[in-house]
Amino acid sequence: SIVSNYPNLVVFSDEVYEHIVFDPEGSPHISFATLPNMFERTLTMSSAGKTFSTTGWKVGWAIGPDDLIKKMTDLQQWVNFSSPSVTQDTIARCLKRAREPYEEFPTFYDWLAADYKKRR
């Protein structure tokens, strides 16, 4: 296994398109961090830009073990921009609402994937 051969392996997983899945039954999105023994070595990153058509808002997040999150936040101080709190709050609300029924679909995410599939 790659993991056993490289005990210091860290995975940076960009999952910005996790909800835009065209065949969720046959080919579902699988987050790298959910694989056996991978959460503790994976920093999963995402953003609202593609999902909610808010690319200019620059609101993103990361999920991972405490040690990786701490290292990331230590580096964050050197980033030259930040998102206004109103956009952060709005995206937080969108993330909650996106799991609710939308336009005759079980969730906004289902509607979004269907909309993209229609345009393929």
Foldseek 3Di string as FASTA:
>chain_A
DVCVVPVLAAEEAECQPQLQDQCCVVDHDDDQLPPPPHQQRYKYKYACCVVVVPVVQPGMDIDGDPVVVVVVVVVVVPDDDDGDVVVVVVVVVVVVQQCPDDPNRRGVSVVVNVVVVVVD
